């Protein structure tokens, strides 16, 4: 969906397709009819934005074949769908029975991660709407925190330099700019905005910045105003915002029976206690656990926030809560002022399939309805901050698929 900020910027709102399990292009196209078209129709939107997730083999195939990119864009356009952002965090098999720490591999010390991300940027420039200012790709915050040392840090810095050079080359060849945002996440080398500022102080900020996931921000017990001021002060752009909410428990002892229903085998649910909110080490085991079952066993002191993305529009079963208040505060900081703080927003609730049984969709139609309700919630929050809905321009012929031939420098 498209909205306009008072400063004139076009703000794109999409939903992230990493909630769906397709690992090949045919499966990705099938998702468009199974879910995306249904969601667009439920919202009565002329165009629906998708934050596409493409597994590494799909991205490689598309990057190598300009004509397939052209056909894929035509499939999107024919259904009233558009893409300005890709989720490049999971490499592949994100909806496998067990994911856990595998989602952090390959990390930013490897060429596999570099090649995957540049493949995504190559694909994205040919999917962008003609009037889009730029594209964005979100990625992991360097690596899981262990093992990590100075040697790996230096290696990651060199790979990020290569990434920025590759993005510059793509912009020069195609005339379309793509930025990559590293996404702070609990348990990773970069968990907080403070760590992001330290880790990314030397990057090319024209090409690289931060993807701000609002559930992760809440789990780090960061105040949105201070976090965003910190990023602005360091000159790090918010490339993308993932509009998400985490699970919260003010009294984890009383909430333990309800919390146990969220323990599941697929994803990590890093848990952070408020008592450790100002620790120099956010992953200090006295106030943090790498999964929800470990937190329940340890009995961490203080209120909890759990890295479990919950539907934005649905209040969890009491005494549990969600971090929607943090989400609202962050959106105010980003959009209530005279200048929009970001132009790409992606609703990213990838956990629908592992929610407690009573909350889990039982059909494709129910899942589409739930995602549509989340998008409506996010849209209404933005409209309440003064943004206005706008229609997409009429779809014209697909732009020529890019090749390696230089066209012009951009950005």
Protein backbone atom coordinates (compact mmCIF):
# COMPACT_ATOMS: atom_id res chain seq x y z
CA UNK A 1 0.00 0.00 0.00
CA UNK A 2 1.09 3.56 -0.66
CA UNK A 3 0.85 6.54 1.66
CA UNK A 4 2.06 10.12 1.40
CA UNK A 5 3.82 11.96 4.20
CA UNK A 6 3.26 15.69 4.68
CA UNK A 7 6.77 16.32 3.36
CA UNK A 8 5.74 14.80 0.03
CA UNK A 9 7.61 11.51 0.43
CA UNK A 10 5.91 8.36 -0.85
CA UNK A 11 5.86 5.78 1.96
CA UNK A 12 5.50 2.12 0.98
CA UNK A 13 3.77 -0.33 3.34
CA UNK A 14 4.09 -4.05 2.59
CA UNK A 15 3.94 -7.44 4.26
CA UNK A 16 6.88 -9.82 4.39
CA UNK A 17 6.45 -13.11 2.57
CA UNK A 18 8.92 -15.02 4.75
CA UNK A 19 5.79 -16.30 6.50
CA UNK A 20 5.37 -18.57 3.45
CA UNK A 21 7.65 -21.57 2.83
CA UNK A 22 8.30 -21.52 -0.95
CA UNK A 23 11.87 -22.39 -1.93
CA UNK A 24 11.55 -22.11 -5.73
CA UNK A 25 10.19 -19.51 -8.13
CA UNK A 26 7.10 -21.54 -9.01
CA UNK A 27 6.22 -21.69 -5.33
CA UNK A 28 6.77 -17.96 -4.93
CA UNK A 29 4.43 -17.23 -7.85
CA UNK A 30 1.82 -19.62 -6.43
CA UNK A 31 1.88 -17.62 -3.17
CA UNK A 32 0.75 -14.54 -5.05
CA UNK A 33 -2.68 -16.03 -5.76
CA UNK A 34 -2.98 -18.05 -2.56
CA UNK A 35 -2.28 -15.13 -0.25
CA UNK A 36 -1.26 -11.78 -1.73
CA UNK A 37 -4.22 -11.28 -4.09
CA UNK A 38 -6.64 -12.29 -1.32
CA UNK A 39 -4.99 -9.82 1.05
CA UNK A 40 -5.16 -6.99 -1.49
CA UNK A 41 -8.84 -7.70 -2.14
CA UNK A 42 -9.66 -7.77 1.58
CA UNK A 43 -8.00 -4.38 1.96
CA UNK A 44 -9.72 -3.04 -1.16
CA UNK A 45 -6.32 -1.73 -2.25
CA UNK A 46 -5.45 -0.95 -5.86
CA UNK A 47 -1.89 -2.12 -5.20
CA UNK A 48 -0.39 -4.23 -2.43
CA UNK A 49 3.27 -4.08 -1.49
CA UNK A 50 5.20 -7.28 -0.86
CA UNK A 51 8.39 -7.52 1.15
CA UNK A 52 9.56 -10.54 -0.80
CA UNK A 53 11.69 -13.26 0.70
CA UNK A 54 13.59 -15.18 -1.96
CA UNK A 55 15.68 -18.18 -0.88
CA UNK A 56 19.28 -18.08 -2.08
CA UNK A 57 18.80 -20.50 -5.02
CA UNK A 58 15.81 -18.48 -6.27
CA UNK A 59 17.75 -15.22 -5.99
CA UNK A 60 20.70 -16.73 -7.87
CA UNK A 61 18.49 -18.01 -10.67
CA UNK A 62 16.70 -14.69 -11.10
CA UNK A 63 19.92 -12.68 -10.93
CA UNK A 64 21.37 -14.76 -13.77
CA UNK A 65 18.32 -14.48 -16.04
CA UNK A 66 17.05 -11.01 -17.03
CA UNK A 67 14.13 -12.40 -19.00
CA UNK A 68 12.86 -14.42 -16.05
CA UNK A 69 13.05 -11.25 -13.97
CA UNK A 70 10.94 -9.48 -16.58
CA UNK A 71 8.35 -12.28 -16.52
CA UNK A 72 8.26 -12.31 -12.74
CA UNK A 73 7.63 -8.58 -12.61
CA UNK A 74 4.80 -9.06 -15.11
CA UNK A 75 3.27 -11.69 -12.82
CA UNK A 76 3.35 -9.19 -9.95
CA UNK A 77 1.92 -6.32 -12.00
CA UNK A 78 -0.91 -8.42 -13.37
CA UNK A 79 -2.07 -9.09 -9.81
CA UNK A 80 -1.83 -5.53 -8.51
CA UNK A 81 1.34 -6.25 -6.52
CA UNK A 82 4.58 -4.31 -6.24
CA UNK A 83 7.96 -4.75 -4.57
CA UNK A 84 10.33 -2.11 -3.19
CA UNK A 85 11.97 -4.22 -0.47
CA UNK A 86 13.35 -7.72 -0.02
CA UNK A 87 14.05 -9.63 3.16
CA UNK A 88 17.58 -10.97 2.82
CA UNK A 89 18.00 -12.19 6.42
CA UNK A 90 17.10 -15.91 6.06
CA UNK A 91 19.30 -17.57 3.44
CA UNK A 92 17.01 -20.54 2.81
CA UNK A 93 14.67 -23.04 4.53
CA UNK A 94 13.20 -20.39 6.84
CA UNK A 95 10.00 -22.35 7.45
CA UNK A 96 11.81 -25.67 8.00
CA UNK A 97 10.68 -27.75 11.02
CA UNK A 98 13.71 -26.50 12.99
CA UNK A 99 15.45 -23.22 12.16
CA UNK A 100 16.81 -21.79 15.43
CA UNK A 101 20.43 -20.53 15.01
CA UNK A 102 20.70 -21.80 11.44
CA UNK A 103 19.05 -18.55 10.32
CA UNK A 104 22.30 -16.71 11.09
CA UNK A 105 24.28 -18.75 8.55
CA UNK A 106 26.00 -17.86 6.32
CA UNK A 107 27.05 -14.71 8.14
CA UNK A 108 28.80 -11.52 7.01
CA UNK A 109 32.26 -13.06 7.26
CA UNK A 110 31.43 -15.20 4.21
CA UNK A 111 31.29 -14.61 0.49
CA UNK A 112 28.10 -16.66 0.30
CA UNK A 113 26.28 -13.91 2.24
CA UNK A 114 27.78 -11.22 0.00
CA UNK A 115 26.83 -13.01 -3.22
CA UNK A 116 23.28 -13.68 -1.98
CA UNK A 117 22.73 -10.03 -1.03
CA UNK A 118 24.09 -8.67 -4.31
CA UNK A 119 21.91 -11.17 -6.18
CA UNK A 120 18.92 -9.79 -4.30
CA UNK A 121 19.87 -6.22 -5.24
CA UNK A 122 20.23 -7.26 -8.89
CA UNK A 123 16.75 -8.79 -8.83
CA UNK A 124 15.20 -5.87 -6.97
CA UNK A 125 16.21 -3.17 -9.45
CA UNK A 126 14.11 -4.95 -12.09
CA UNK A 127 11.12 -5.38 -9.77
CA UNK A 128 10.96 -1.78 -8.54
CA UNK A 129 7.98 0.32 -9.68
CA UNK A 130 9.05 2.96 -12.17
CA UNK A 131 8.30 5.76 -9.69
CA UNK A 132 10.08 4.18 -6.71
CA UNK A 133 12.91 6.33 -5.38
CA UNK A 134 15.00 3.30 -4.39
CA UNK A 135 14.90 -0.28 -3.15
CA UNK A 136 15.95 -1.83 0.14
CA UNK A 137 17.20 -5.18 1.38
CA UNK A 138 17.30 -6.18 5.05
CA UNK A 139 19.98 -8.53 6.34
CA UNK A 140 21.34 -10.07 9.52
CA UNK A 141 23.38 -7.94 11.97
CA UNK A 142 26.75 -9.44 11.04
CA UNK A 143 26.43 -12.79 12.85
CA UNK A 144 25.32 -14.59 15.97
CA UNK A 145 27.44 -13.29 18.85
CA UNK A 146 29.42 -16.52 19.30
CA UNK A 147 32.01 -17.15 18.05
CA UNK A 148 33.10 -13.59 17.35
CA UNK A 149 36.50 -11.97 17.68
CA UNK A 150 38.57 -9.17 16.21
CA UNK A 151 39.66 -11.30 13.25
CA UNK A 152 36.07 -12.05 12.28
CA UNK A 153 35.14 -8.41 12.81
CA UNK A 154 37.84 -7.27 10.39
CA UNK A 155 36.76 -9.89 7.87
CA UNK A 156 33.12 -8.72 8.09
CA UNK A 157 34.20 -5.10 7.60
CA UNK A 158 35.99 -6.05 4.37
CA UNK A 159 32.95 -7.96 3.10
CA UNK A 160 30.66 -5.01 3.88
CA UNK A 161 33.02 -2.75 1.91
CA UNK A 162 32.64 -5.14 -1.02
CA UNK A 163 28.88 -5.01 -0.58
CA UNK A 164 28.86 -1.21 -0.76
CA UNK A 165 31.05 -1.33 -3.87
CA UNK A 166 28.71 -3.84 -5.47
CA UNK A 167 25.65 -1.73 -4.70
CA UNK A 168 27.39 1.31 -6.20
CA UNK A 169 28.18 -0.69 -9.32
CA UNK A 170 24.55 -1.84 -9.64
CA UNK A 171 23.31 1.75 -9.29
CA UNK A 172 25.76 2.95 -11.96
CA UNK A 173 24.79 0.15 -14.35
CA UNK A 174 21.02 0.36 -13.90
CA UNK A 175 20.20 3.86 -12.69
CA UNK A 176 18.37 2.37 -9.68
CA UNK A 177 19.66 2.60 -6.12
CA UNK A 178 19.34 -0.21 -3.56
CA UNK A 179 20.32 0.21 0.09
CA UNK A 180 20.99 -2.64 2.55
CA UNK A 181 19.95 -2.38 6.19
CA UNK A 182 21.53 -4.52 8.91
CA UNK A 183 18.84 -5.55 11.37
CA UNK A 184 19.79 -5.51 15.08
CA UNK A 185 18.46 -8.65 16.77
CA UNK A 186 18.75 -10.12 20.27
CA UNK A 187 21.69 -12.46 20.66
CA UNK A 188 23.58 -11.22 17.62
CA UNK A 189 26.82 -9.27 17.32
CA UNK A 190 24.61 -6.21 16.83
CA UNK A 191 21.68 -6.37 19.24
CA UNK A 192 21.00 -2.70 19.97
CA UNK A 193 21.21 0.62 18.15
CA UNK A 194 24.25 1.48 20.27
CA UNK A 195 26.00 -1.63 19.01
CA UNK A 196 24.90 -0.76 15.47
CA UNK A 197 26.53 2.65 15.73
CA UNK A 198 29.78 1.07 16.97
CA UNK A 199 29.84 -1.74 14.42
CA UNK A 200 28.85 0.32 11.39
CA UNK A 201 30.81 3.50 12.06
CA UNK A 202 33.03 3.02 8.99
CA UNK A 203 30.49 1.81 6.41
CA UNK A 204 29.37 3.70 3.32
CA UNK A 205 26.15 5.18 4.71
CA UNK A 206 24.93 6.07 1.22
CA UNK A 207 24.56 2.33 0.59
CA UNK A 208 24.32 0.74 4.05
CA UNK A 209 22.31 1.52 7.15
CA UNK A 210 19.93 -0.07 9.64
CA UNK A 211 16.76 -2.08 9.27
CA UNK A 212 14.84 -1.21 12.45
CA UNK A 213 12.69 -4.13 13.57
CA UNK A 214 10.32 -2.74 16.19
CA UNK A 215 9.92 -6.06 18.03
CA UNK A 216 13.71 -6.32 18.35
CA UNK A 217 13.89 -2.71 19.50
CA UNK A 218 11.38 -3.51 22.23
CA UNK A 219 13.23 -6.67 23.28
CA UNK A 220 16.39 -4.59 23.73
CA UNK A 221 14.34 -2.35 26.07
CA UNK A 222 15.29 0.67 23.98
CA UNK A 223 13.28 3.86 23.98
CA UNK A 224 12.44 4.69 20.34
CA UNK A 225 13.20 8.41 20.64
CA UNK A 226 16.67 7.80 22.07
CA UNK A 227 17.39 4.97 19.65
CA UNK A 228 16.47 7.01 16.59
CA UNK A 229 18.38 10.04 17.86
CA UNK A 230 21.42 7.80 18.31
CA UNK A 231 21.21 6.58 14.71
CA UNK A 232 20.70 10.10 13.37
CA UNK A 233 23.65 11.39 15.35
CA UNK A 234 25.86 8.70 13.85
CA UNK A 235 24.64 9.42 10.32
CA UNK A 236 23.21 5.91 9.93
CA UNK A 237 20.02 5.91 7.85
CA UNK A 238 16.99 3.83 8.75
CA UNK A 239 16.81 1.99 5.44
CA UNK A 240 13.71 0.03 6.38
CA UNK A 241 11.34 -0.46 9.31
CA UNK A 242 9.90 -3.86 10.14
CA UNK A 243 6.56 -3.15 11.78
CA UNK A 244 6.42 -5.91 14.35
CA UNK A 245 5.45 -6.52 17.97
CA UNK A 246 7.02 -8.85 20.53
CA UNK A 247 5.44 -10.87 23.32
CA UNK A 248 5.62 -9.27 26.78
CA UNK A 249 4.99 -10.35 30.36
CA UNK A 250 4.97 -7.84 33.23
CA UNK A 251 4.93 -10.71 35.74
CA UNK A 252 6.59 -13.77 34.17
CA UNK A 253 5.86 -15.97 37.19
CA UNK A 254 2.12 -15.38 36.94
CA UNK A 255 2.29 -15.60 33.15
CA UNK A 256 4.37 -18.81 33.05
CA UNK A 257 1.48 -21.13 32.06
CA UNK A 258 0.56 -18.83 29.17
CA UNK A 259 4.21 -18.36 28.17
CA UNK A 260 4.76 -22.13 27.98
CA UNK A 261 2.20 -22.29 25.17
CA UNK A 262 4.61 -20.19 23.06
CA UNK A 263 7.54 -22.59 23.46
CA UNK A 264 8.01 -24.28 20.08
CA UNK A 265 10.81 -25.99 18.12
CA UNK A 266 11.17 -23.89 14.96
CA UNK A 267 12.42 -20.42 15.86
CA UNK A 268 14.58 -18.89 18.58
CA UNK A 269 12.63 -16.74 21.03
CA UNK A 270 15.33 -14.75 22.76
CA UNK A 271 14.09 -13.34 26.05
CA UNK A 272 15.30 -10.17 27.75
CA UNK A 273 14.40 -9.05 31.28
CA UNK A 274 13.92 -5.39 32.13
CA UNK A 275 16.33 -5.76 35.05
CA UNK A 276 19.18 -6.04 32.54
CA UNK A 277 18.01 -3.26 30.22
CA UNK A 278 21.02 -1.05 30.95
CA UNK A 279 23.63 -3.78 31.04
CA UNK A 280 26.78 -3.27 28.97
CA UNK A 281 26.14 -6.78 27.67
CA UNK A 282 22.52 -7.20 26.52
CA UNK A 283 23.00 -10.98 26.43
CA UNK A 284 24.19 -11.14 30.08
CA UNK A 285 22.85 -14.55 31.22
CA UNK A 286 21.71 -13.06 34.52
CA UNK A 287 19.03 -11.14 32.62
CA UNK A 288 18.83 -12.82 29.23
CA UNK A 289 18.16 -16.19 27.66
CA UNK A 290 18.58 -17.37 24.09
CA UNK A 291 15.19 -19.10 24.00
CA UNK A 292 11.92 -18.96 25.87
CA UNK A 293 12.20 -22.40 27.44
CA UNK A 294 15.61 -21.45 28.85
CA UNK A 295 14.16 -18.21 30.26
CA UNK A 296 11.35 -20.13 31.96
CA UNK A 297 13.86 -22.57 33.47
CA UNK A 298 16.16 -19.76 34.66
CA UNK A 299 13.41 -17.55 36.09
CA UNK A 300 14.95 -14.32 34.88
CA UNK A 301 14.18 -11.40 37.23
CA UNK A 302 11.90 -8.54 36.19
CA UNK A 303 9.41 -8.02 33.38
CA UNK A 304 10.12 -9.90 30.13
CA UNK A 305 10.06 -9.15 26.45
CA UNK A 306 10.26 -12.16 24.19
CA UNK A 307 11.42 -12.22 20.58
CA UNK A 308 8.21 -13.81 19.38
CA UNK A 309 6.49 -11.78 16.68
CA UNK A 310 2.79 -11.66 17.53
CA UNK A 311 -0.03 -10.38 15.27
CA UNK A 312 -0.20 -6.60 15.51
CA UNK A 313 -3.98 -6.33 15.75
CA UNK A 314 -4.63 -9.17 18.22
CA UNK A 315 -4.11 -8.75 21.97
CA UNK A 316 -2.36 -11.82 23.45
CA UNK A 317 -4.15 -13.87 26.07
CA UNK A 318 -3.93 -12.12 29.48
CA UNK A 319 -1.80 -11.81 31.50
CA UNK A 320 0.43 -11.63 28.42
CA UNK A 321 0.77 -8.41 26.46
CA UNK A 322 2.47 -7.24 23.29
CA UNK A 323 4.92 -4.41 22.67
CA UNK A 324 2.50 -2.49 20.44
CA UNK A 325 3.03 0.62 22.65
CA UNK A 326 6.71 0.60 21.63
CA UNK A 327 5.64 0.20 17.99
CA UNK A 328 3.34 3.22 18.27
CA UNK A 329 6.05 5.30 19.93
CA UNK A 330 8.53 4.43 17.19
CA UNK A 331 6.07 5.27 14.41
CA UNK A 332 5.39 8.64 16.08
CA UNK A 333 9.10 9.39 16.18
CA UNK A 334 9.49 8.40 12.54
CA UNK A 335 6.41 10.00 11.00
CA UNK A 336 4.78 12.61 13.24
CA UNK A 337 7.45 15.22 12.50
CA UNK A 338 7.92 17.42 9.45
CA UNK A 339 10.13 14.85 7.64
CA UNK A 340 9.47 11.14 7.27
CA UNK A 341 12.15 9.06 8.95
CA UNK A 342 11.87 6.15 6.52
CA UNK A 343 9.97 5.30 3.34
CA UNK A 344 9.88 1.46 3.46
CA UNK A 345 7.76 -0.30 6.09
CA UNK A 346 7.24 -4.06 6.13
CA UNK A 347 4.86 -5.92 8.45
CA UNK A 348 6.86 -9.00 9.44
CA UNK A 349 4.94 -11.54 11.48
CA UNK A 350 6.54 -14.78 10.30
CA UNK A 351 5.31 -16.84 13.26
CA UNK A 352 1.67 -17.46 12.26
CA UNK A 353 2.38 -21.16 11.75
CA UNK A 354 3.81 -21.68 15.25
CA UNK A 355 1.38 -19.61 17.32
CA UNK A 356 -0.45 -21.46 20.11
CA UNK A 357 -3.07 -23.71 18.57
CA UNK A 358 -6.03 -21.52 19.51
CA UNK A 359 -4.53 -18.53 17.65
CA UNK A 360 -3.10 -20.37 14.63
CA UNK A 361 -4.84 -19.98 11.25
CA UNK A 362 -6.43 -23.22 10.06
CA UNK A 363 -6.58 -22.40 6.35
CA UNK A 364 -4.93 -20.26 3.68
CA UNK A 365 -7.94 -17.95 3.76
CA UNK A 366 -7.60 -17.45 7.52
CA UNK A 367 -3.91 -16.66 7.18
CA UNK A 368 -4.64 -14.14 4.42
CA UNK A 369 -7.31 -12.59 6.63
CA UNK A 370 -4.91 -12.29 9.55
CA UNK A 371 -2.21 -10.64 7.46
CA UNK A 372 -4.78 -8.25 5.96
CA UNK A 373 -5.87 -7.29 9.48
CA UNK A 374 -2.26 -6.55 10.43
CA UNK A 375 -1.77 -4.37 7.38
CA UNK A 376 -5.00 -2.51 8.10
CA UNK A 377 -3.77 -1.93 11.66
CA UNK A 378 -0.44 -0.55 10.44
CA UNK A 379 -2.10 1.61 7.78
CA UNK A 380 -4.52 3.07 10.33
CA UNK A 381 -1.67 3.89 12.71
CA UNK A 382 0.11 5.78 9.93
CA UNK A 383 -3.04 7.61 8.85
CA UNK A 384 -3.57 8.68 12.47
CA UNK A 385 -0.10 10.28 12.27
CA UNK A 386 -1.16 12.35 9.27
CA UNK A 387 -0.14 10.19 6.32
CA UNK A 388 -2.67 9.90 3.52
CA UNK A 389 -3.41 7.00 1.22
CA UNK A 390 -2.53 7.41 -2.45
CA UNK A 391 -3.28 5.36 -5.53
CA UNK A 392 -0.64 3.72 -7.63
CA UNK A 393 -0.09 5.12 -11.13
CA UNK A 394 -1.50 3.02 -13.98
CA UNK A 395 0.72 0.07 -14.76
CA UNK A 396 2.72 0.56 -17.94
CA UNK A 397 4.90 -1.91 -19.80
CA UNK A 398 7.56 -3.59 -17.74
CA UNK A 399 10.89 -1.80 -17.73
CA UNK A 400 13.69 -3.53 -19.61
CA UNK A 401 15.47 -6.08 -17.46
CA UNK A 402 18.87 -4.78 -16.43
CA UNK A 403 22.08 -6.19 -17.82
CA UNK A 404 25.72 -5.50 -17.10
CA UNK A 405 25.80 -2.63 -19.60
CA UNK A 406 26.31 0.76 -17.89
CA UNK A 407 23.36 3.16 -18.09
CA UNK A 408 24.00 6.01 -15.68
CA UNK A 409 25.21 6.76 -12.22
CA UNK A 410 22.57 7.16 -9.49
CA UNK A 411 23.04 8.14 -5.89
